Amino acid sequence: MQVTTKKTGIPMASNIGIETEAPSSTMMMLDNPYKTVKQLASTNAVVLFSMSGCCMCTVAKRLLFGLGVGPTIIEIDHHGAGPDIQAVLFQLVADGRQPVPAVFVGGKFLGGIETLMGCHINGTLVPLLKEAGALWL
């Protein structure tokens, strides 16, 4: 996976590196972290919000990569609006749990590591990924 900037103008991070310059359109998106999260989730088949030092985020990445999915990974500790995005994710989780990793599939919030692993174990993850267009086989 490589570092890219999607047509949304929002810098994307991967486990390889971080884009350092943000286009001016990105600065407008940074003003509203809810719109940033919504835009990222709706324009990518799978989005994983992560923290670079989080072991459970690494587990989520390895699971998705192992299934053949190339998720869009946002390392929120390296993102300009990271704290604000994390606040949005806390609202989505709404039960006081750690909001990362936060996984979106097909534009919808799937959940954290427990939900991701649960879906994998009970066999519902692969069909979800296929439906979202993240897997073709």
Protein backbone atom coordinates (compact mmCIF):
# COMPACT_ATOMS: atom_id res chain seq x y z
CA MET A 1 0.00 0.00 0.00
CA GLN A 2 1.29 3.43 -0.77
CA VAL A 3 0.65 6.93 0.48
CA THR A 4 -1.93 8.62 -1.69
CA THR A 5 -4.23 11.58 -1.80
CA LYS A 6 -7.70 10.57 -2.92
CA LYS A 7 -9.89 12.94 -4.88
CA THR A 8 -11.25 14.17 -1.54
CA GLY A 9 -8.01 16.09 -1.03
CA ILE A 10 -7.51 14.54 2.39
CA PRO A 11 -4.01 13.23 3.04
CA MET A 12 -4.05 9.48 3.53
CA ALA A 13 -1.51 7.65 5.62
CA SER A 14 -0.40 4.09 5.36
CA ASN A 15 1.94 1.90 7.27
CA ILE A 16 4.70 2.96 4.85
CA GLY A 17 4.72 6.71 5.30
CA ILE A 18 2.81 9.91 5.81
CA GLU A 19 2.07 12.65 3.32
CA THR A 20 3.42 15.87 4.73
CA GLU A 21 1.79 18.55 2.60
CA ALA A 22 -1.94 19.12 2.56
CA PRO A 23 -3.70 20.88 -0.32
CA SER A 24 -5.72 23.98 0.52
CA SER A 25 -8.99 22.05 0.00
CA THR A 26 -7.85 19.76 2.82
CA MET A 27 -7.69 22.66 5.22
CA MET A 28 -11.38 23.33 4.64
CA MET A 29 -12.19 19.67 5.43
CA LEU A 30 -10.13 19.86 8.63
CA ASP A 31 -12.57 22.46 9.95
CA ASN A 32 -15.28 19.80 10.26
CA PRO A 33 -13.93 16.44 11.43
CA TYR A 34 -17.36 14.80 11.16
CA LYS A 35 -17.43 15.62 7.42
CA THR A 36 -13.85 14.38 7.11
CA VAL A 37 -14.75 11.00 8.63
CA LYS A 38 -17.97 10.77 6.60
CA GLN A 39 -16.20 11.68 3.34
CA LEU A 40 -13.40 9.16 3.93
CA ALA A 41 -15.84 6.39 4.85
CA SER A 42 -18.13 7.01 1.89
CA THR A 43 -15.41 7.22 -0.78
CA ASN A 44 -13.43 4.11 0.20
CA ALA A 45 -14.52 0.47 0.47
CA VAL A 46 -12.70 -0.03 3.78
CA VAL A 47 -11.30 2.66 6.06
CA LEU A 48 -9.30 1.96 9.19
CA PHE A 49 -8.67 4.77 11.65
CA SER A 50 -5.57 3.83 13.58
CA MET A 51 -2.89 5.05 15.97
CA SER A 52 0.65 4.26 14.90
CA GLY A 53 1.67 2.67 18.23
CA CYS A 54 -1.55 0.75 18.90
CA CYS A 55 -1.14 -3.05 18.98
CA MET A 56 -4.83 -3.71 18.33
CA CYS A 57 -4.65 -1.43 15.28
CA THR A 58 -1.79 -3.60 14.03
CA VAL A 59 -3.96 -6.70 14.54
CA ALA A 60 -6.79 -5.09 12.53
CA LYS A 61 -4.39 -4.11 9.72
CA ARG A 62 -2.88 -7.60 9.57
CA LEU A 63 -6.30 -9.24 9.47
CA LEU A 64 -7.50 -7.03 6.63
CA PHE A 65 -4.25 -7.34 4.66
CA GLY A 66 -4.28 -11.10 5.27
CA LEU A 67 -7.74 -11.34 3.72
CA GLY A 68 -6.50 -9.47 0.66
CA VAL A 69 -8.08 -6.12 1.49
CA GLY A 70 -6.18 -2.90 0.90
CA PRO A 71 -7.86 -0.58 3.40
CA THR A 72 -7.40 3.15 3.48
CA ILE A 73 -5.52 3.67 6.73
CA ILE A 74 -5.65 6.95 8.58
CA GLU A 75 -3.06 7.23 11.34
CA ILE A 76 -4.89 9.83 13.41
CA ASP A 77 -1.83 10.60 15.53
CA HIS A 78 -0.17 11.85 12.32
CA HIS A 79 -3.23 13.57 10.82
CA GLY A 80 -3.69 17.33 11.11
CA ALA A 81 -7.19 16.92 12.54
CA GLY A 82 -6.32 13.82 14.56
CA PRO A 83 -7.66 14.91 17.97
CA ASP A 84 -10.90 16.13 16.39
CA ILE A 85 -11.29 12.93 14.37
CA GLN A 86 -10.69 10.93 17.53
CA ALA A 87 -13.46 12.91 19.25
CA VAL A 88 -15.85 12.00 16.41
CA LEU A 89 -14.86 8.34 16.76
CA PHE A 90 -15.49 8.50 20.53
CA GLN A 91 -19.03 9.68 19.74
CA LEU A 92 -19.54 6.77 17.33
CA VAL A 93 -18.36 4.22 19.88
CA ALA A 94 -20.51 5.89 22.58
CA ASP A 95 -19.72 3.33 25.29
CA GLY A 96 -16.49 4.83 26.58
CA ARG A 97 -14.25 2.27 24.88
CA GLN A 98 -11.10 3.17 23.00
CA PRO A 99 -12.21 4.40 19.56
CA VAL A 100 -9.27 2.97 17.62
CA PRO A 101 -9.04 0.93 15.61
CA ALA A 102 -12.25 2.13 14.03
CA VAL A 103 -13.31 0.24 10.93
CA PHE A 104 -15.71 1.46 8.26
CA VAL A 105 -16.87 -0.96 5.56
CA GLY A 106 -18.95 0.21 2.63
CA GLY A 107 -19.39 3.67 4.14
CA LYS A 108 -20.83 2.31 7.40
CA PHE A 109 -19.22 2.13 10.81
CA LEU A 110 -18.49 -1.52 11.54
CA GLY A 111 -16.88 -1.01 14.93
CA GLY A 112 -13.62 -1.64 16.70
CA ILE A 113 -11.34 -4.64 17.04
CA GLU A 114 -13.93 -6.72 18.93
CA THR A 115 -16.52 -6.31 16.19
CA LEU A 116 -13.98 -6.86 13.42
CA MET A 117 -12.68 -10.06 14.99
CA GLY A 118 -16.21 -11.23 15.84
CA CYS A 119 -17.32 -10.79 12.24
CA HIS A 120 -14.24 -12.66 11.06
CA ILE A 121 -14.81 -15.55 13.47
CA ASN A 122 -18.53 -15.92 12.73
CA GLY A 123 -17.97 -15.73 8.97
CA THR A 124 -19.75 -12.46 8.20
CA LEU A 125 -16.68 -10.31 7.50
CA VAL A 126 -15.80 -11.69 4.05
CA PRO A 127 -19.36 -11.24 2.71
CA LEU A 128 -19.38 -7.66 4.06
CA LEU A 129 -16.07 -6.95 2.35
CA LYS A 130 -17.31 -8.46 -0.93
CA GLU A 131 -20.50 -6.41 -0.78
CA ALA A 132 -18.47 -3.24 -0.22
CA GLY A 133 -16.23 -4.02 -3.21
CA ALA A 134 -13.10 -4.58 -1.12
CA LEU A 135 -12.81 -8.24 -2.18
CA TRP A 136 -13.48 -9.71 -5.58
CA LEU A 137 -12.92 -13.42 -4.97
